[in-house]
ModelCIF file with pLDDT and N, C-alpha, C, O atoms, coordinates in Angstrom:
data_MODEL
#
_entry.id   MODEL 
#
_entity.id                         1 
_entity.type                       polymer 
_entity.pdbx_number_of_molecules   1 
#
_entity_poly.entity_id                      1 
_entity_poly.type                           'polypeptide(L)' 
_entity_poly.nstd_linkage                   no 
_entity_poly.nstd_monomer                   no 
_entity_poly.pdbx_seq_one_letter_code       
;(UNK)(UNK)(UNK)(UNK)(UNK)(UNK)(UNK)(UNK)(UNK)(UNK)(UNK)(UNK)(UNK)(UNK)(UNK)(UNK)
(UNK)(UNK)(UNK)(UNK)(UNK)(UNK)(UNK)(UNK)(UNK)(UNK)(UNK)(UNK)(UNK)(UNK)(UNK)(UNK)
(UNK)(UNK)(UNK)(UNK)(UNK)(UNK)(UNK)(UNK)(UNK)
;
_entity_poly.pdbx_seq_one_letter_code_can   XXXXXXXXXXXXXXXXXXXXXXXXXXXXXXXXXXXXXXXXX 
_entity_poly.pdbx_strand_id                 A 
#
loop_
_entity_poly_seq.entity_id 
_entity_poly_seq.num 
_entity_poly_seq.mon_id 
_entity_poly_seq.hetero 
1 1  UNK n 
1 2  UNK n 
1 3  UNK n 
1 4  UNK n 
1 5  UNK n 
1 6  UNK n 
1 7  UNK n 
1 8  UNK n 
1 9  UNK n 
1 10 UNK n 
1 11 UNK n 
1 12 UNK n 
1 13 UNK n 
1 14 UNK n 
1 15 UNK n 
1 16 UNK n 
1 17 UNK n 
1 18 UNK n 
1 19 UNK n 
1 20 UNK n 
1 21 UNK n 
1 22 UNK n 
1 23 UNK n 
1 24 UNK n 
1 25 UNK n 
1 26 UNK n 
1 27 UNK n 
1 28 UNK n 
1 29 UNK n 
1 30 UNK n 
1 31 UNK n 
1 32 UNK n 
1 33 UNK n 
1 34 UNK n 
1 35 UNK n 
1 36 UNK n 
1 37 UNK n 
1 38 UNK n 
1 39 UNK n 
1 40 UNK n 
1 41 UNK n 
#
_struct_asym.id          A 
_struct_asym.entity_id   1 
#
loop_
_ma_qa_metric.id 
_ma_qa_metric.mode 
_ma_qa_metric.name 
_ma_qa_metric.software_group_id 
_ma_qa_metric.type 
1 global pLDDT . pLDDT 
2 local  pLDDT . pLDDT 
#
_ma_qa_metric_global.metric_id      1 
_ma_qa_metric_global.metric_value   91.61 
_ma_qa_metric_global.model_id       1 
_ma_qa_metric_global.ordinal_id     1 
#
loop_
_ma_qa_metric_local.label_asym_id 
_ma_qa_metric_local.label_comp_id 
_ma_qa_metric_local.label_seq_id 
_ma_qa_metric_local.metric_id 
_ma_qa_metric_local.metric_value 
_ma_qa_metric_local.model_id 
_ma_qa_metric_local.ordinal_id 
A UNK 1  2 92.00 1 1  
A UNK 2  2 92.00 1 2  
A UNK 3  2 94.00 1 3  
A UNK 4  2 95.00 1 4  
A UNK 5  2 96.00 1 5  
A UNK 6  2 94.00 1 6  
A UNK 7  2 92.00 1 7  
A UNK 8  2 94.00 1 8  
A UNK 9  2 94.00 1 9  
A UNK 10 2 95.00 1 10 
A UNK 11 2 95.00 1 11 
A UNK 12 2 94.00 1 12 
A UNK 13 2 94.00 1 13 
A UNK 14 2 93.00 1 14 
A UNK 15 2 93.00 1 15 
A UNK 16 2 92.00 1 16 
A UNK 17 2 93.00 1 17 
A UNK 18 2 90.00 1 18 
A UNK 19 2 90.00 1 19 
A UNK 20 2 91.00 1 20 
A UNK 21 2 92.00 1 21 
A UNK 22 2 93.00 1 22 
A UNK 23 2 94.00 1 23 
A UNK 24 2 92.00 1 24 
A UNK 25 2 92.00 1 25 
A UNK 26 2 94.00 1 26 
A UNK 27 2 94.00 1 27 
A UNK 28 2 93.00 1 28 
A UNK 29 2 92.00 1 29 
A UNK 30 2 92.00 1 30 
A UNK 31 2 91.00 1 31 
A UNK 32 2 91.00 1 32 
A UNK 33 2 92.00 1 33 
A UNK 34 2 90.00 1 34 
A UNK 35 2 86.00 1 35 
A UNK 36 2 84.00 1 36 
A UNK 37 2 85.00 1 37 
A UNK 38 2 86.00 1 38 
A UNK 39 2 88.00 1 39 
A UNK 40 2 87.00 1 40 
A UNK 41 2 85.00 1 41 
#
loop_
_atom_site.group_PDB 
_atom_site.id 
_atom_site.type_symbol 
_atom_site.label_atom_id 
_atom_site.label_alt_id 
_atom_site.label_comp_id 
_atom_site.label_asym_id 
_atom_site.label_entity_id 
_atom_site.label_seq_id 
_atom_site.pdbx_PDB_ins_code 
_atom_site.Cartn_x 
_atom_site.Cartn_y 
_atom_site.Cartn_z 
_atom_site.occupancy 
_atom_site.B_iso_or_equiv 
_atom_site.pdbx_formal_charge 
_atom_site.auth_seq_id 
_atom_site.auth_comp_id 
_atom_site.auth_asym_id 
_atom_site.auth_atom_id 
_atom_site.pdbx_PDB_model_num 
ATOM 1   N N  . UNK A 1 1  ? 25.069 29.575 49.198 1.00 92.00 ? 1  UNK A N  1 
ATOM 2   C CA . UNK A 1 1  ? 24.321 30.236 50.264 1.00 92.00 ? 1  UNK A CA 1 
ATOM 3   C C  . UNK A 1 1  ? 22.919 30.644 49.821 1.00 92.00 ? 1  UNK A C  1 
ATOM 4   O O  . UNK A 1 1  ? 22.748 31.280 48.781 1.00 92.00 ? 1  UNK A O  1 
ATOM 5   N N  . UNK A 1 2  ? 21.916 30.272 50.620 1.00 92.00 ? 2  UNK A N  1 
ATOM 6   C CA . UNK A 1 2  ? 20.549 30.711 50.381 1.00 92.00 ? 2  UNK A CA 1 
ATOM 7   C C  . UNK A 1 2  ? 19.829 30.019 49.247 1.00 92.00 ? 2  UNK A C  1 
ATOM 8   O O  . UNK A 1 2  ? 18.685 30.367 48.952 1.00 92.00 ? 2  UNK A O  1 
ATOM 9   N N  . UNK A 1 3  ? 20.453 29.054 48.602 1.00 94.00 ? 3  UNK A N  1 
ATOM 10  C CA . UNK A 1 3  ? 19.814 28.381 47.460 1.00 94.00 ? 3  UNK A CA 1 
ATOM 11  C C  . UNK A 1 3  ? 18.688 27.466 47.943 1.00 94.00 ? 3  UNK A C  1 
ATOM 12  O O  . UNK A 1 3  ? 18.739 26.920 49.045 1.00 94.00 ? 3  UNK A O  1 
ATOM 13  N N  . UNK A 1 4  ? 17.673 27.313 47.094 1.00 95.00 ? 4  UNK A N  1 
ATOM 14  C CA . UNK A 1 4  ? 16.539 26.447 47.382 1.00 95.00 ? 4  UNK A CA 1 
ATOM 15  C C  . UNK A 1 4  ? 16.439 25.393 46.282 1.00 95.00 ? 4  UNK A C  1 
ATOM 16  O O  . UNK A 1 4  ? 16.342 25.725 45.100 1.00 95.00 ? 4  UNK A O  1 
ATOM 17  N N  . UNK A 1 5  ? 16.462 24.139 46.672 1.00 96.00 ? 5  UNK A N  1 
ATOM 18  C CA . UNK A 1 5  ? 16.288 23.032 45.738 1.00 96.00 ? 5  UNK A CA 1 
ATOM 19  C C  . UNK A 1 5  ? 15.006 22.335 46.162 1.00 96.00 ? 5  UNK A C  1 
ATOM 20  O O  . UNK A 1 5  ? 14.941 21.746 47.242 1.00 96.00 ? 5  UNK A O  1 
ATOM 21  N N  . UNK A 1 6  ? 13.982 22.401 45.310 1.00 94.00 ? 6  UNK A N  1 
ATOM 22  C CA . UNK A 1 6  ? 12.635 22.058 45.754 1.00 94.00 ? 6  UNK A CA 1 
ATOM 23  C C  . UNK A 1 6  ? 11.999 20.971 44.899 1.00 94.00 ? 6  UNK A C  1 
ATOM 24  O O  . UNK A 1 6  ? 12.126 20.967 43.674 1.00 94.00 ? 6  UNK A O  1 
ATOM 25  N N  . UNK A 1 7  ? 11.312 20.050 45.569 1.00 92.00 ? 7  UNK A N  1 
ATOM 26  C CA . UNK A 1 7  ? 10.544 19.029 44.872 1.00 92.00 ? 7  UNK A CA 1 
ATOM 27  C C  . UNK A 1 7  ? 11.306 17.755 44.635 1.00 92.00 ? 7  UNK A C  1 
ATOM 28  O O  . UNK A 1 7  ? 12.489 17.647 44.958 1.00 92.00 ? 7  UNK A O  1 
ATOM 29  N N  . UNK A 1 8  ? 10.609 16.782 44.062 1.00 94.00 ? 8  UNK A N  1 
ATOM 30  C CA . UNK A 1 8  ? 11.199 15.481 43.753 1.00 94.00 ? 8  UNK A CA 1 
ATOM 31  C C  . UNK A 1 8  ? 11.970 15.568 42.446 1.00 94.00 ? 8  UNK A C  1 
ATOM 32  O O  . UNK A 1 8  ? 11.541 15.056 41.412 1.00 94.00 ? 8  UNK A O  1 
ATOM 33  N N  . UNK A 1 9  ? 13.114 16.226 42.517 1.00 94.00 ? 9  UNK A N  1 
ATOM 34  C CA . UNK A 1 9  ? 13.969 16.408 41.342 1.00 94.00 ? 9  UNK A CA 1 
ATOM 35  C C  . UNK A 1 9  ? 15.323 15.761 41.612 1.00 94.00 ? 9  UNK A C  1 
ATOM 36  O O  . UNK A 1 9  ? 15.666 15.451 42.753 1.00 94.00 ? 9  UNK A O  1 
ATOM 37  N N  . UNK A 1 10 ? 16.079 15.567 40.547 1.00 95.00 ? 10 UNK A N  1 
ATOM 38  C CA . UNK A 1 10 ? 17.395 14.926 40.664 1.00 95.00 ? 10 UNK A CA 1 
ATOM 39  C C  . UNK A 1 10 ? 18.483 15.887 40.221 1.00 95.00 ? 10 UNK A C  1 
ATOM 40  O O  . UNK A 1 10 ? 18.440 16.431 39.117 1.00 95.00 ? 10 UNK A O  1 
ATOM 41  N N  . UNK A 1 11 ? 19.446 16.084 41.084 1.00 95.00 ? 11 UNK A N  1 
ATOM 42  C CA . UNK A 1 11 ? 20.623 16.901 40.778 1.00 95.00 ? 11 UNK A CA 1 
ATOM 43  C C  . UNK A 1 11 ? 21.783 15.940 40.572 1.00 95.00 ? 11 UNK A C  1 
ATOM 44  O O  . UNK A 1 11 ? 22.134 15.184 41.478 1.00 95.00 ? 11 UNK A O  1 
ATOM 45  N N  . UNK A 1 12 ? 22.372 15.966 39.401 1.00 94.00 ? 12 UNK A N  1 
ATOM 46  C CA . UNK A 1 12 ? 23.414 15.001 39.064 1.00 94.00 ? 12 UNK A CA 1 
ATOM 47  C C  . UNK A 1 12 ? 24.708 15.205 39.827 1.00 94.00 ? 12 UNK A C  1 
ATOM 48  O O  . UNK A 1 12 ? 24.813 16.083 40.683 1.00 94.00 ? 12 UNK A O  1 
ATOM 49  N N  . UNK A 1 13 ? 25.693 14.376 39.500 1.00 94.00 ? 13 UNK A N  1 
ATOM 50  C CA . UNK A 1 13 ? 27.012 14.469 40.141 1.00 94.00 ? 13 UNK A CA 1 
ATOM 51  C C  . UNK A 1 13 ? 27.748 15.728 39.680 1.00 94.00 ? 13 UNK A C  1 
ATOM 52  O O  . UNK A 1 13 ? 27.537 16.222 38.572 1.00 94.00 ? 13 UNK A O  1 
ATOM 53  N N  . UNK A 1 14 ? 28.607 16.228 40.550 1.00 93.00 ? 14 UNK A N  1 
ATOM 54  C CA . UNK A 1 14 ? 29.521 17.336 40.204 1.00 93.00 ? 14 UNK A CA 1 
ATOM 55  C C  . UNK A 1 14 ? 28.773 18.585 39.753 1.00 93.00 ? 14 UNK A C  1 
ATOM 56  O O  . UNK A 1 14 ? 29.209 19.277 38.834 1.00 93.00 ? 14 UNK A O  1 
ATOM 57  N N  . UNK A 1 15 ? 27.652 18.870 40.397 1.00 93.00 ? 15 UNK A N  1 
ATOM 58  C CA . UNK A 1 15 ? 26.855 20.052 40.069 1.00 93.00 ? 15 UNK A CA 1 
ATOM 59  C C  . UNK A 1 15 ? 27.145 21.158 41.076 1.00 93.00 ? 15 UNK A C  1 
ATOM 60  O O  . UNK A 1 15 ? 27.273 20.896 42.271 1.00 93.00 ? 15 UNK A O  1 
ATOM 61  N N  . UNK A 1 16 ? 27.249 22.396 40.591 1.00 92.00 ? 16 UNK A N  1 
ATOM 62  C CA . UNK A 1 16 ? 27.392 23.568 41.454 1.00 92.00 ? 16 UNK A CA 1 
ATOM 63  C C  . UNK A 1 16 ? 26.141 24.430 41.299 1.00 92.00 ? 16 UNK A C  1 
ATOM 64  O O  . UNK A 1 16 ? 25.768 24.800 40.185 1.00 92.00 ? 16 UNK A O  1 
ATOM 65  N N  . UNK A 1 17 ? 25.505 24.744 42.409 1.00 93.00 ? 17 UNK A N  1 
ATOM 66  C CA . UNK A 1 17 ? 24.313 25.582 42.405 1.00 93.00 ? 17 UNK A CA 1 
ATOM 67  C C  . UNK A 1 17 ? 24.670 26.909 43.063 1.00 93.00 ? 17 UNK A C  1 
ATOM 68  O O  . UNK A 1 17 ? 25.132 26.938 44.204 1.00 93.00 ? 17 UNK A O  1 
ATOM 69  N N  . UNK A 1 18 ? 24.456 28.001 42.347 1.00 90.00 ? 18 UNK A N  1 
ATOM 70  C CA . UNK A 1 18 ? 24.867 29.315 42.811 1.00 90.00 ? 18 UNK A CA 1 
ATOM 71  C C  . UNK A 1 18 ? 24.049 29.830 43.985 1.00 90.00 ? 18 UNK A C  1 
ATOM 72  O O  . UNK A 1 18 ? 22.954 29.343 44.262 1.00 90.00 ? 18 UNK A O  1 
ATOM 73  N N  . UNK A 1 19 ? 24.604 30.826 44.668 1.00 90.00 ? 19 UNK A N  1 
ATOM 74  C CA . UNK A 1 19 ? 23.941 31.431 45.812 1.00 90.00 ? 19 UNK A CA 1 
ATOM 75  C C  . UNK A 1 19 ? 22.578 31.985 45.424 1.00 90.00 ? 19 UNK A C  1 
ATOM 76  O O  . UNK A 1 19 ? 22.429 32.630 44.387 1.00 90.00 ? 19 UNK A O  1 
ATOM 77  N N  . UNK A 1 20 ? 21.573 31.721 46.281 1.00 91.00 ? 20 UNK A N  1 
ATOM 78  C CA . UNK A 1 20 ? 20.204 32.244 46.129 1.00 91.00 ? 20 UNK A CA 1 
ATOM 79  C C  . UNK A 1 20 ? 19.452 31.702 44.911 1.00 91.00 ? 20 UNK A C  1 
ATOM 80  O O  . UNK A 1 20 ? 18.376 32.200 44.581 1.00 91.00 ? 20 UNK A O  1 
ATOM 81  N N  . UNK A 1 21 ? 19.998 30.702 44.252 1.00 92.00 ? 21 UNK A N  1 
ATOM 82  C CA . UNK A 1 21 ? 19.277 30.092 43.128 1.00 92.00 ? 21 UNK A CA 1 
ATOM 83  C C  . UNK A 1 21 ? 18.061 29.330 43.647 1.00 92.00 ? 21 UNK A C  1 
ATOM 84  O O  . UNK A 1 21 ? 18.043 28.867 44.788 1.00 92.00 ? 21 UNK A O  1 
ATOM 85  N N  . UNK A 1 22 ? 17.051 29.210 42.798 1.00 93.00 ? 22 UNK A N  1 
ATOM 86  C CA . UNK A 1 22 ? 15.869 28.400 43.109 1.00 93.00 ? 22 UNK A CA 1 
ATOM 87  C C  . UNK A 1 22 ? 15.760 27.341 42.020 1.00 93.00 ? 22 UNK A C  1 
ATOM 88  O O  . UNK A 1 22 ? 15.456 27.657 40.870 1.00 93.00 ? 22 UNK A O  1 
ATOM 89  N N  . UNK A 1 23 ? 16.005 26.089 42.380 1.00 94.00 ? 23 UNK A N  1 
ATOM 90  C CA . UNK A 1 23 ? 16.059 24.992 41.405 1.00 94.00 ? 23 UNK A CA 1 
ATOM 91  C C  . UNK A 1 23 ? 14.828 24.126 41.589 1.00 94.00 ? 23 UNK A C  1 
ATOM 92  O O  . UNK A 1 23 ? 14.594 23.590 42.672 1.00 94.00 ? 23 UNK A O  1 
ATOM 93  N N  . UNK A 1 24 ? 14.041 23.987 40.532 1.00 92.00 ? 24 UNK A N  1 
ATOM 94  C CA . UNK A 1 24 ? 12.797 23.205 40.597 1.00 92.00 ? 24 UNK A CA 1 
ATOM 95  C C  . UNK A 1 24 ? 12.720 22.166 39.482 1.00 92.00 ? 24 UNK A C  1 
ATOM 96  O O  . UNK A 1 24 ? 11.693 21.509 39.315 1.00 92.00 ? 24 UNK A O  1 
ATOM 97  N N  . UNK A 1 25 ? 13.804 22.015 38.716 1.00 92.00 ? 25 UNK A N  1 
ATOM 98  C CA . UNK A 1 25 ? 13.849 21.020 37.649 1.00 92.00 ? 25 UNK A CA 1 
ATOM 99  C C  . UNK A 1 25 ? 15.131 20.214 37.757 1.00 92.00 ? 25 UNK A C  1 
ATOM 100 O O  . UNK A 1 25 ? 16.102 20.651 38.374 1.00 92.00 ? 25 UNK A O  1 
ATOM 101 N N  . UNK A 1 26 ? 15.126 19.023 37.148 1.00 94.00 ? 26 UNK A N  1 
ATOM 102 C CA . UNK A 1 26 ? 16.312 18.172 37.150 1.00 94.00 ? 26 UNK A CA 1 
ATOM 103 C C  . UNK A 1 26 ? 17.509 18.908 36.565 1.00 94.00 ? 26 UNK A C  1 
ATOM 104 O O  . UNK A 1 26 ? 17.372 19.731 35.660 1.00 94.00 ? 26 UNK A O  1 
ATOM 105 N N  . UNK A 1 27 ? 18.685 18.596 37.100 1.00 94.00 ? 27 UNK A N  1 
ATOM 106 C CA . UNK A 1 27 ? 19.931 19.187 36.603 1.00 94.00 ? 27 UNK A CA 1 
ATOM 107 C C  . UNK A 1 27 ? 20.884 18.050 36.249 1.00 94.00 ? 27 UNK A C  1 
ATOM 108 O O  . UNK A 1 27 ? 21.176 17.214 37.104 1.00 94.00 ? 27 UNK A O  1 
ATOM 109 N N  . UNK A 1 28 ? 21.376 17.996 35.016 1.00 93.00 ? 28 UNK A N  1 
ATOM 110 C CA . UNK A 1 28 ? 22.296 16.920 34.634 1.00 93.00 ? 28 UNK A CA 1 
ATOM 111 C C  . UNK A 1 28 ? 23.654 17.062 35.315 1.00 93.00 ? 28 UNK A C  1 
ATOM 112 O O  . UNK A 1 28 ? 24.001 18.132 35.815 1.00 93.00 ? 28 UNK A O  1 
ATOM 113 N N  . UNK A 1 29 ? 24.401 15.991 35.328 1.00 92.00 ? 29 UNK A N  1 
ATOM 114 C CA . UNK A 1 29 ? 25.722 15.992 35.957 1.00 92.00 ? 29 UNK A CA 1 
ATOM 115 C C  . UNK A 1 29 ? 26.658 16.994 35.278 1.00 92.00 ? 29 UNK A C  1 
ATOM 116 O O  . UNK A 1 29 ? 26.480 17.353 34.114 1.00 92.00 ? 29 UNK A O  1 
ATOM 117 N N  . UNK A 1 30 ? 27.654 17.430 36.037 1.00 92.00 ? 30 UNK A N  1 
ATOM 118 C CA . UNK A 1 30 ? 28.714 18.314 35.526 1.00 92.00 ? 30 UNK A CA 1 
ATOM 119 C C  . UNK A 1 30 ? 28.155 19.632 35.010 1.00 92.00 ? 30 UNK A C  1 
ATOM 120 O O  . UNK A 1 30 ? 28.569 20.126 33.961 1.00 92.00 ? 30 UNK A O  1 
ATOM 121 N N  . UNK A 1 31 ? 27.207 20.198 35.760 1.00 91.00 ? 31 UNK A N  1 
ATOM 122 C CA . UNK A 1 31 ? 26.576 21.450 35.358 1.00 91.00 ? 31 UNK A CA 1 
ATOM 123 C C  . UNK A 1 31 ? 26.720 22.499 36.448 1.00 91.00 ? 31 UNK A C  1 
ATOM 124 O O  . UNK A 1 31 ? 26.984 22.183 37.608 1.00 91.00 ? 31 UNK A O  1 
ATOM 125 N N  . UNK A 1 32 ? 26.541 23.752 36.052 1.00 91.00 ? 32 UNK A N  1 
ATOM 126 C CA . UNK A 1 32 ? 26.483 24.872 36.987 1.00 91.00 ? 32 UNK A CA 1 
ATOM 127 C C  . UNK A 1 32 ? 25.163 25.586 36.784 1.00 91.00 ? 32 UNK A C  1 
ATOM 128 O O  . UNK A 1 32 ? 24.788 25.895 35.653 1.00 91.00 ? 32 UNK A O  1 
ATOM 129 N N  . UNK A 1 33 ? 24.448 25.853 37.879 1.00 92.00 ? 33 UNK A N  1 
ATOM 130 C CA . UNK A 1 33 ? 23.109 26.446 37.817 1.00 92.00 ? 33 UNK A CA 1 
ATOM 131 C C  . UNK A 1 33 ? 23.079 27.718 38.647 1.00 92.00 ? 33 UNK A C  1 
ATOM 132 O O  . UNK A 1 33 ? 23.594 27.742 39.764 1.00 92.00 ? 33 UNK A O  1 
ATOM 133 N N  . UNK A 1 34 ? 22.484 28.768 38.115 1.00 90.00 ? 34 UNK A N  1 
ATOM 134 C CA . UNK A 1 34 ? 22.290 30.011 38.866 1.00 90.00 ? 34 UNK A CA 1 
ATOM 135 C C  . UNK A 1 34 ? 20.923 30.589 38.531 1.00 90.00 ? 34 UNK A C  1 
ATOM 136 O O  . UNK A 1 34 ? 20.285 30.173 37.564 1.00 90.00 ? 34 UNK A O  1 
ATOM 137 N N  . UNK A 1 35 ? 20.479 31.545 39.328 1.00 86.00 ? 35 UNK A N  1 
ATOM 138 C CA . UNK A 1 35 ? 19.300 32.331 38.985 1.00 86.00 ? 35 UNK A CA 1 
ATOM 139 C C  . UNK A 1 35 ? 18.003 31.835 39.583 1.00 86.00 ? 35 UNK A C  1 
ATOM 140 O O  . UNK A 1 35 ? 17.935 30.794 40.236 1.00 86.00 ? 35 UNK A O  1 
ATOM 141 N N  . UNK A 1 36 ? 16.957 32.646 39.324 1.00 84.00 ? 36 UNK A N  1 
ATOM 142 C CA . UNK A 1 36 ? 15.596 32.355 39.794 1.00 84.00 ? 36 UNK A CA 1 
ATOM 143 C C  . UNK A 1 36 ? 14.645 32.485 38.623 1.00 84.00 ? 36 UNK A C  1 
ATOM 144 O O  . UNK A 1 36 ? 14.432 33.605 38.160 1.00 84.00 ? 36 UNK A O  1 
ATOM 145 N N  . UNK A 1 37 ? 14.059 31.410 38.110 1.00 85.00 ? 37 UNK A N  1 
ATOM 146 C CA . UNK A 1 37 ? 14.354 30.024 38.501 1.00 85.00 ? 37 UNK A CA 1 
ATOM 147 C C  . UNK A 1 37 ? 15.728 29.598 37.998 1.00 85.00 ? 37 UNK A C  1 
ATOM 148 O O  . UNK A 1 37 ? 16.307 30.250 37.129 1.00 85.00 ? 37 UNK A O  1 
ATOM 149 N N  . UNK A 1 38 ? 16.242 28.511 38.542 1.00 86.00 ? 38 UNK A N  1 
ATOM 150 C CA . UNK A 1 38 ? 17.591 28.075 38.203 1.00 86.00 ? 38 UNK A CA 1 
ATOM 151 C C  . UNK A 1 38 ? 17.755 27.766 36.726 1.00 86.00 ? 38 UNK A C  1 
ATOM 152 O O  . UNK A 1 38 ? 16.908 27.114 36.115 1.00 86.00 ? 38 UNK A O  1 
ATOM 153 N N  . UNK A 1 39 ? 18.858 28.243 36.161 1.00 88.00 ? 39 UNK A N  1 
ATOM 154 C CA . UNK A 1 39 ? 19.171 27.986 34.756 1.00 88.00 ? 39 UNK A CA 1 
ATOM 155 C C  . UNK A 1 39 ? 20.599 27.467 34.659 1.00 88.00 ? 39 UNK A C  1 
ATOM 156 O O  . UNK A 1 39 ? 21.485 27.897 35.399 1.00 88.00 ? 39 UNK A O  1 
ATOM 157 N N  . UNK A 1 40 ? 20.805 26.540 33.739 1.00 87.00 ? 40 UNK A N  1 
ATOM 158 C CA . UNK A 1 40 ? 22.140 25.976 33.535 1.00 87.00 ? 40 UNK A CA 1 
ATOM 159 C C  . UNK A 1 40 ? 22.992 26.977 32.761 1.00 87.00 ? 40 UNK A C  1 
ATOM 160 O O  . UNK A 1 40 ? 22.631 27.394 31.660 1.00 87.00 ? 40 UNK A O  1 
ATOM 161 N N  . UNK A 1 41 ? 24.125 27.358 33.349 1.00 85.00 ? 41 UNK A N  1 
ATOM 162 C CA . UNK A 1 41 ? 25.027 28.286 32.678 1.00 85.00 ? 41 UNK A CA 1 
ATOM 163 C C  . UNK A 1 41 ? 26.288 27.601 32.176 1.00 85.00 ? 41 UNK A C  1 
ATOM 164 O O  . UNK A 1 41 ? 27.151 28.252 31.586 1.00 85.00 ? 41 UNK A O  1 
#
């Protein structure tokens, strides 16, 4: 909920992006991202 994925970036397979996260960089597959800016946890 409320997450923003911005720009020409690639989010891999099986990725979970947390609520209200702001993702502006590529995220590899099988990852979980949270926070502002988005960080892999």
